[in-house]
Amino acid sequence: MKRHLGLVVAGALALPMAACGICFPKSAEKHAEDRAIGVNEVATLINQKDAAFVYDANSQERYRQGHVPTARWVPYDSVTKQHLPPKQDALLIFYCYNEMCSASSTAAQQARTLGYSNVRVMEAGIEGWEKAKQRTES
């Protein structure tokens, strides 16, 4: 894949690059183990103390522009136990830019590899969060 002027070129298909920098056609690079969670469900969970841990797998620049309240930034390609809570059955929610981005799937897979069993992906990403008019923190 080649990157040209803000586009990811995959064969004859050109896609705008998202803030995560790793966008692919919708189902490519997604993991079969991904369990989706919707924006409204995430919004409800973040208002409940310690109900879920939310992780932003976008670039640090995008994270600083605005992220889901309570979300912590993680490097999508190198999630470690130091980034995650000690309880391996805790609900972990990962998101990236939008449905075309696979950074959240990559980060979620790493959490599962580390032994976490309750891992979800908010596929709508920060773009869907903002379209739903949910508040962000920066």
N, C-alpha and C. Protein backbone atom coordinates (compact mmCIF):
# COMPACT_ATOMS: atom_id res chain seq x y z
N MET A 1 0.83 -1.17 0.00
CA MET A 1 0.00 0.00 0.00
C MET A 1 0.88 1.24 0.00
N LYS A 2 0.49 2.22 -0.75
CA LYS A 2 1.25 3.47 -0.82
C LYS A 2 0.41 4.60 -0.28
N ARG A 3 1.08 5.55 0.37
CA ARG A 3 0.39 6.73 0.87
C ARG A 3 0.76 7.91 0.00
N HIS A 4 -0.24 8.60 -0.51
CA HIS A 4 -0.03 9.77 -1.36
C HIS A 4 -0.93 10.89 -0.91
N LEU A 5 -0.37 12.01 -0.52
CA LEU A 5 -1.14 13.23 -0.22
C LEU A 5 -2.42 12.97 0.55
N GLY A 6 -2.29 12.28 1.67
CA GLY A 6 -3.46 12.06 2.50
C GLY A 6 -4.37 10.94 2.03
N LEU A 7 -3.95 10.17 1.04
CA LEU A 7 -4.74 9.04 0.58
C LEU A 7 -3.96 7.76 0.78
N VAL A 8 -4.65 6.71 1.13
CA VAL A 8 -4.06 5.39 1.14
C VAL A 8 -4.48 4.74 -0.16
N VAL A 9 -3.52 4.30 -0.95
CA VAL A 9 -3.83 3.71 -2.25
C VAL A 9 -3.61 2.21 -2.15
N ALA A 10 -4.68 1.46 -2.32
CA ALA A 10 -4.63 0.00 -2.27
C ALA A 10 -5.10 -0.50 -3.62
N GLY A 11 -4.17 -0.83 -4.49
CA GLY A 11 -4.56 -1.22 -5.84
C GLY A 11 -5.19 -0.04 -6.52
N ALA A 12 -6.41 -0.23 -7.03
CA ALA A 12 -7.11 0.86 -7.71
C ALA A 12 -7.98 1.66 -6.77
N LEU A 13 -8.02 1.28 -5.48
CA LEU A 13 -8.88 1.93 -4.51
C LEU A 13 -8.10 2.96 -3.72
N ALA A 14 -8.56 4.20 -3.69
CA ALA A 14 -7.92 5.24 -2.90
C ALA A 14 -8.87 5.67 -1.80
N LEU A 15 -8.39 5.65 -0.57
CA LEU A 15 -9.20 6.02 0.58
C LEU A 15 -8.54 7.17 1.32
N PRO A 16 -9.32 8.10 1.86
CA PRO A 16 -8.71 9.15 2.66
C PRO A 16 -8.11 8.54 3.92
N MET A 17 -6.94 9.02 4.33
CA MET A 17 -6.31 8.51 5.54
C MET A 17 -7.03 9.06 6.75
N ALA A 18 -7.26 8.23 7.71
CA ALA A 18 -7.87 8.67 8.96
C ALA A 18 -6.77 9.02 9.94
N ALA A 19 -7.18 9.51 11.06
CA ALA A 19 -6.23 9.95 12.07
C ALA A 19 -5.37 8.81 12.60
N CYS A 20 -5.82 7.59 12.46
CA CYS A 20 -5.02 6.47 12.95
C CYS A 20 -3.90 6.14 11.99
N GLY A 21 -4.07 6.46 10.72
CA GLY A 21 -3.04 6.19 9.73
C GLY A 21 -3.06 4.80 9.16
N ILE A 22 -4.01 3.95 9.59
CA ILE A 22 -4.05 2.59 9.03
C ILE A 22 -5.47 2.22 8.62
N CYS A 23 -5.95 2.84 7.60
CA CYS A 23 -7.30 2.56 7.12
C CYS A 23 -7.27 1.52 6.01
N PHE A 24 -8.24 0.65 6.04
CA PHE A 24 -8.37 -0.40 5.06
C PHE A 24 -9.83 -0.52 4.67
N PRO A 25 -10.13 -1.15 3.55
CA PRO A 25 -11.53 -1.41 3.23
C PRO A 25 -12.22 -2.11 4.41
N LYS A 26 -13.48 -1.86 4.59
CA LYS A 26 -14.22 -2.16 5.81
C LYS A 26 -13.88 -3.48 6.51
N SER A 27 -13.89 -4.60 5.86
CA SER A 27 -13.68 -5.84 6.60
C SER A 27 -12.23 -6.29 6.63
N ALA A 28 -11.37 -5.69 5.85
CA ALA A 28 -9.97 -6.10 5.86
C ALA A 28 -9.32 -5.73 7.18
N GLU A 29 -8.44 -6.59 7.67
CA GLU A 29 -7.69 -6.35 8.88
C GLU A 29 -8.55 -6.31 10.14
N LYS A 30 -9.82 -6.62 10.06
CA LYS A 30 -10.64 -6.73 11.25
C LYS A 30 -10.46 -8.14 11.78
N HIS A 31 -10.60 -8.31 13.07
CA HIS A 31 -10.40 -9.62 13.67
C HIS A 31 -11.75 -10.27 13.95
N ALA A 32 -11.83 -11.56 13.70
CA ALA A 32 -13.08 -12.29 13.88
C ALA A 32 -13.57 -12.23 15.33
N GLU A 33 -12.64 -12.06 16.27
CA GLU A 33 -13.00 -12.03 17.69
C GLU A 33 -13.61 -10.70 18.12
N ASP A 34 -13.53 -9.67 17.26
CA ASP A 34 -14.06 -8.36 17.63
C ASP A 34 -15.54 -8.44 17.95
N ARG A 35 -15.90 -7.92 19.09
CA ARG A 35 -17.30 -7.79 19.47
C ARG A 35 -17.61 -6.32 19.47
N ALA A 36 -18.51 -5.93 18.61
CA ALA A 36 -18.84 -4.51 18.44
C ALA A 36 -19.68 -4.00 19.60
N ILE A 37 -19.52 -2.71 19.86
CA ILE A 37 -20.33 -2.02 20.85
C ILE A 37 -20.69 -0.67 20.25
N GLY A 38 -21.91 -0.22 20.45
CA GLY A 38 -22.39 1.01 19.85
C GLY A 38 -22.04 2.26 20.67
N VAL A 39 -22.11 3.39 20.01
CA VAL A 39 -21.82 4.68 20.61
C VAL A 39 -22.70 4.92 21.83
N ASN A 40 -24.00 4.69 21.73
CA ASN A 40 -24.90 4.97 22.85
C ASN A 40 -24.60 4.09 24.06
N GLU A 41 -24.24 2.83 23.82
CA GLU A 41 -23.89 1.94 24.92
C GLU A 41 -22.61 2.40 25.61
N VAL A 42 -21.63 2.85 24.82
CA VAL A 42 -20.39 3.37 25.41
C VAL A 42 -20.69 4.62 26.23
N ALA A 43 -21.53 5.51 25.69
CA ALA A 43 -21.89 6.73 26.41
C ALA A 43 -22.52 6.41 27.77
N THR A 44 -23.37 5.40 27.80
CA THR A 44 -23.99 4.98 29.06
C THR A 44 -22.94 4.42 30.02
N LEU A 45 -22.05 3.58 29.52
CA LEU A 45 -21.04 2.95 30.37
C LEU A 45 -20.06 3.94 30.98
N ILE A 46 -19.67 4.97 30.22
CA ILE A 46 -18.67 5.89 30.78
C ILE A 46 -19.26 6.75 31.89
N ASN A 47 -20.58 6.79 31.99
CA ASN A 47 -21.22 7.53 33.08
C ASN A 47 -21.38 6.68 34.33
N GLN A 48 -21.04 5.40 34.25
CA GLN A 48 -21.10 4.50 35.40
C GLN A 48 -19.67 4.27 35.89
N LYS A 49 -19.38 4.65 37.09
CA LYS A 49 -18.03 4.55 37.64
C LYS A 49 -17.49 3.12 37.53
N ASP A 50 -16.33 3.01 36.92
CA ASP A 50 -15.61 1.74 36.79
C ASP A 50 -16.35 0.64 36.03
N ALA A 51 -17.33 1.02 35.20
CA ALA A 51 -18.05 0.01 34.42
C ALA A 51 -17.22 -0.47 33.23
N ALA A 52 -16.37 0.41 32.69
CA ALA A 52 -15.58 0.06 31.51
C ALA A 52 -14.34 0.93 31.45
N PHE A 53 -13.34 0.41 30.76
CA PHE A 53 -12.11 1.15 30.49
C PHE A 53 -12.08 1.39 28.99
N VAL A 54 -11.97 2.66 28.60
CA VAL A 54 -12.05 3.04 27.19
C VAL A 54 -10.67 3.46 26.72
N TYR A 55 -10.30 2.98 25.51
CA TYR A 55 -8.97 3.24 24.95
C TYR A 55 -9.07 3.78 23.54
N ASP A 56 -8.36 4.86 23.30
CA ASP A 56 -8.30 5.53 22.00
C ASP A 56 -7.04 5.05 21.28
N ALA A 57 -7.21 4.43 20.13
CA ALA A 57 -6.10 3.88 19.36
C ALA A 57 -5.73 4.76 18.16
N ASN A 58 -6.19 6.02 18.16
CA ASN A 58 -5.82 6.97 17.12
C ASN A 58 -4.42 7.51 17.37
N SER A 59 -3.97 8.40 16.50
CA SER A 59 -2.69 9.07 16.74
C SER A 59 -2.81 9.94 17.98
N GLN A 60 -1.69 10.26 18.60
CA GLN A 60 -1.71 11.13 19.77
C GLN A 60 -2.26 12.51 19.41
N GLU A 61 -1.97 12.97 18.20
CA GLU A 61 -2.47 14.27 17.76
C GLU A 61 -4.00 14.27 17.72
N ARG A 62 -4.57 13.21 17.18
CA ARG A 62 -6.04 13.12 17.11
C ARG A 62 -6.63 12.99 18.51
N TYR A 63 -5.97 12.23 19.36
CA TYR A 63 -6.42 12.08 20.74
C TYR A 63 -6.48 13.45 21.43
N ARG A 64 -5.45 14.26 21.23
CA ARG A 64 -5.40 15.59 21.84
C ARG A 64 -6.49 16.52 21.29
N GLN A 65 -6.89 16.32 20.04
CA GLN A 65 -7.95 17.15 19.45
C GLN A 65 -9.29 16.91 20.13
N GLY A 66 -9.51 15.72 20.58
CA GLY A 66 -10.76 15.38 21.26
C GLY A 66 -10.93 13.88 21.29
N HIS A 67 -11.32 13.37 22.45
CA HIS A 67 -11.51 11.94 22.62
C HIS A 67 -12.74 11.68 23.49
N VAL A 68 -13.15 10.44 23.51
CA VAL A 68 -14.27 10.02 24.35
C VAL A 68 -13.89 10.30 25.81
N PRO A 69 -14.79 10.90 26.59
CA PRO A 69 -14.48 11.15 27.99
C PRO A 69 -14.02 9.88 28.70
N THR A 70 -13.03 9.99 29.52
CA THR A 70 -12.37 8.92 30.29
C THR A 70 -11.41 8.08 29.45
N ALA A 71 -11.41 8.23 28.14
CA ALA A 71 -10.54 7.38 27.29
C ALA A 71 -9.08 7.69 27.55
N ARG A 72 -8.30 6.65 27.50
CA ARG A 72 -6.84 6.76 27.60
C ARG A 72 -6.27 6.44 26.22
N TRP A 73 -5.21 7.12 25.87
CA TRP A 73 -4.56 6.86 24.60
C TRP A 73 -3.67 5.62 24.74
N VAL A 74 -3.68 4.77 23.71
CA VAL A 74 -2.77 3.62 23.64
C VAL A 74 -2.17 3.57 22.24
N PRO A 75 -0.92 3.15 22.14
CA PRO A 75 -0.35 2.93 20.81
C PRO A 75 -0.98 1.67 20.23
N TYR A 76 -1.71 1.81 19.14
CA TYR A 76 -2.51 0.70 18.61
C TYR A 76 -1.70 -0.56 18.34
N ASP A 77 -0.42 -0.40 18.03
CA ASP A 77 0.38 -1.56 17.63
C ASP A 77 1.30 -2.09 18.72
N SER A 78 1.17 -1.55 19.93
CA SER A 78 2.02 -2.06 21.01
C SER A 78 1.35 -1.89 22.38
N VAL A 79 0.14 -2.41 22.51
CA VAL A 79 -0.57 -2.38 23.78
C VAL A 79 0.09 -3.37 24.73
N THR A 80 0.35 -2.93 25.96
CA THR A 80 0.96 -3.80 26.96
C THR A 80 0.08 -3.84 28.21
N LYS A 81 0.39 -4.73 29.14
CA LYS A 81 -0.37 -4.82 30.39
C LYS A 81 -0.28 -3.52 31.18
N GLN A 82 0.78 -2.75 30.99
CA GLN A 82 0.92 -1.47 31.70
C GLN A 82 -0.16 -0.48 31.26
N HIS A 83 -0.69 -0.62 30.06
CA HIS A 83 -1.75 0.25 29.58
C HIS A 83 -3.13 -0.15 30.11
N LEU A 84 -3.25 -1.38 30.57
CA LEU A 84 -4.56 -1.97 30.86
C LEU A 84 -4.75 -2.19 32.36
N PRO A 85 -6.00 -2.35 32.80
CA PRO A 85 -6.26 -2.56 34.23
C PRO A 85 -5.77 -3.93 34.68
N PRO A 86 -5.56 -4.09 35.98
CA PRO A 86 -5.05 -5.38 36.47
C PRO A 86 -6.05 -6.53 36.33
N LYS A 87 -7.35 -6.24 36.44
CA LYS A 87 -8.35 -7.32 36.34
C LYS A 87 -8.55 -7.70 34.87
N GLN A 88 -8.26 -8.94 34.54
CA GLN A 88 -8.35 -9.38 33.16
C GLN A 88 -9.78 -9.64 32.68
N ASP A 89 -10.75 -9.58 33.58
CA ASP A 89 -12.15 -9.71 33.15
C ASP A 89 -12.84 -8.35 33.06
N ALA A 90 -12.09 -7.26 33.25
CA ALA A 90 -12.65 -5.91 33.13
C ALA A 90 -13.12 -5.67 31.69
N LEU A 91 -14.16 -4.85 31.54
CA LEU A 91 -14.65 -4.51 30.20
C LEU A 91 -13.72 -3.47 29.59
N LEU A 92 -13.10 -3.83 28.47
CA LEU A 92 -12.21 -2.94 27.74
C LEU A 92 -12.88 -2.57 26.42
N ILE A 93 -12.90 -1.28 26.10
CA ILE A 93 -13.48 -0.80 24.85
C ILE A 93 -12.42 -0.03 24.09
N PHE A 94 -12.16 -0.45 22.86
CA PHE A 94 -11.18 0.22 22.01
C PHE A 94 -11.90 0.89 20.85
N TYR A 95 -11.41 2.05 20.44
CA TYR A 95 -11.94 2.71 19.26
C TYR A 95 -10.79 3.42 18.55
N CYS A 96 -11.01 3.71 17.27
CA CYS A 96 -10.04 4.51 16.51
C CYS A 96 -10.82 5.59 15.77
N TYR A 97 -10.58 5.77 14.48
CA TYR A 97 -11.18 6.90 13.80
C TYR A 97 -12.60 6.63 13.30
N ASN A 98 -12.78 5.55 12.55
CA ASN A 98 -14.10 5.23 12.02
C ASN A 98 -14.14 3.76 11.62
N GLU A 99 -15.20 3.35 10.94
CA GLU A 99 -15.37 1.95 10.55
C GLU A 99 -14.32 1.46 9.56
N MET A 100 -13.67 2.38 8.86
CA MET A 100 -12.65 2.00 7.88
C MET A 100 -11.29 1.77 8.54
N CYS A 101 -11.13 2.18 9.76
CA CYS A 101 -9.85 2.10 10.47
C CYS A 101 -9.75 0.78 11.22
N SER A 102 -8.60 0.17 11.18
CA SER A 102 -8.43 -1.11 11.87
C SER A 102 -7.54 -1.01 13.10
N ALA A 103 -7.16 0.18 13.50
CA ALA A 103 -6.29 0.33 14.67
C ALA A 103 -6.95 -0.22 15.94
N SER A 104 -8.25 0.02 16.11
CA SER A 104 -8.92 -0.49 17.31
C SER A 104 -8.95 -2.01 17.33
N SER A 105 -9.12 -2.63 16.19
CA SER A 105 -9.10 -4.09 16.11
C SER A 105 -7.72 -4.64 16.46
N THR A 106 -6.69 -3.98 15.99
CA THR A 106 -5.32 -4.40 16.30
C THR A 106 -5.06 -4.30 17.80
N ALA A 107 -5.45 -3.17 18.39
CA ALA A 107 -5.25 -2.97 19.83
C ALA A 107 -6.07 -3.99 20.63
N ALA A 108 -7.32 -4.22 20.23
CA ALA A 108 -8.17 -5.18 20.93
C ALA A 108 -7.58 -6.59 20.87
N GLN A 109 -7.06 -6.96 19.72
CA GLN A 109 -6.45 -8.28 19.58
C GLN A 109 -5.26 -8.43 20.52
N GLN A 110 -4.48 -7.38 20.67
CA GLN A 110 -3.34 -7.43 21.58
C GLN A 110 -3.81 -7.62 23.02
N ALA A 111 -4.90 -6.94 23.40
CA ALA A 111 -5.45 -7.11 24.76
C ALA A 111 -5.90 -8.56 24.97
N ARG A 112 -6.56 -9.14 23.98
CA ARG A 112 -6.98 -10.54 24.09
C ARG A 112 -5.76 -11.46 24.22
N THR A 113 -4.72 -11.17 23.47
CA THR A 113 -3.49 -11.97 23.54
C THR A 113 -2.87 -11.89 24.94
N LEU A 114 -3.03 -10.75 25.60
CA LEU A 114 -2.51 -10.56 26.96
C LEU A 114 -3.40 -11.22 28.02
N GLY A 115 -4.51 -11.84 27.59
CA GLY A 115 -5.36 -12.58 28.51
C GLY A 115 -6.65 -11.89 28.92
N TYR A 116 -6.95 -10.74 28.34
CA TYR A 116 -8.19 -10.03 28.67
C TYR A 116 -9.35 -10.69 27.93
N SER A 117 -10.44 -10.94 28.65
CA SER A 117 -11.52 -11.72 28.08
C SER A 117 -12.77 -10.93 27.70
N ASN A 118 -12.88 -9.68 28.13
CA ASN A 118 -14.09 -8.90 27.90
C ASN A 118 -13.72 -7.65 27.08
N VAL A 119 -13.39 -7.87 25.82
CA VAL A 119 -12.86 -6.82 24.95
C VAL A 119 -13.87 -6.50 23.86
N ARG A 120 -14.17 -5.22 23.69
CA ARG A 120 -15.12 -4.78 22.68
C ARG A 120 -14.49 -3.70 21.81
N VAL A 121 -15.06 -3.48 20.63
CA VAL A 121 -14.59 -2.45 19.71
C VAL A 121 -15.76 -1.55 19.33
N MET A 122 -15.59 -0.24 19.53
CA MET A 122 -16.59 0.72 19.08
C MET A 122 -16.21 1.08 17.64
N GLU A 123 -16.81 0.35 16.70
CA GLU A 123 -16.42 0.48 15.29
C GLU A 123 -16.68 1.86 14.70
N ALA A 124 -17.67 2.57 15.22
CA ALA A 124 -17.98 3.91 14.69
C ALA A 124 -16.84 4.88 14.93
N GLY A 125 -15.99 4.59 15.90
CA GLY A 125 -14.82 5.42 16.19
C GLY A 125 -15.19 6.82 16.66
N ILE A 126 -14.18 7.66 16.75
CA ILE A 126 -14.39 9.02 17.21
C ILE A 126 -15.25 9.79 16.21
N GLU A 127 -15.16 9.45 14.95
CA GLU A 127 -15.99 10.11 13.94
C GLU A 127 -17.47 9.84 14.22
N GLY A 128 -17.82 8.60 14.49
CA GLY A 128 -19.20 8.25 14.80
C GLY A 128 -19.65 8.84 16.13
N TRP A 129 -18.74 8.89 17.08
CA TRP A 129 -19.02 9.49 18.39
C TRP A 129 -19.42 10.95 18.21
N GLU A 130 -18.62 11.68 17.43
CA GLU A 130 -18.89 13.09 17.19
C GLU A 130 -20.15 13.29 16.35
N LYS A 131 -20.39 12.43 15.37
CA LYS A 131 -21.63 12.54 14.57
C LYS A 131 -22.87 12.32 15.43
N ALA A 132 -22.73 11.50 16.48
CA ALA A 132 -23.85 11.27 17.39
C ALA A 132 -23.99 12.41 18.40
N LYS A 133 -23.17 13.43 18.24
CA LYS A 133 -23.21 14.61 19.09
C LYS A 133 -22.90 14.31 20.56
N GLN A 134 -22.04 13.32 20.77
CA GLN A 134 -21.57 13.01 22.12
C GLN A 134 -20.44 14.00 22.45
N ARG A 135 -20.31 14.34 23.71
CA ARG A 135 -19.26 15.28 24.10
C ARG A 135 -17.89 14.61 24.08
N THR A 136 -16.87 15.41 23.87
CA THR A 136 -15.49 14.92 23.88
C THR A 136 -14.69 15.70 24.92
N GLU A 137 -13.56 15.14 25.27
CA GLU A 137 -12.58 15.81 26.13
C GLU A 137 -11.33 16.06 25.29
N SER A 138 -10.60 17.08 25.66
CA SER A 138 -9.30 17.29 24.98
C SER A 138 -8.28 17.78 25.98
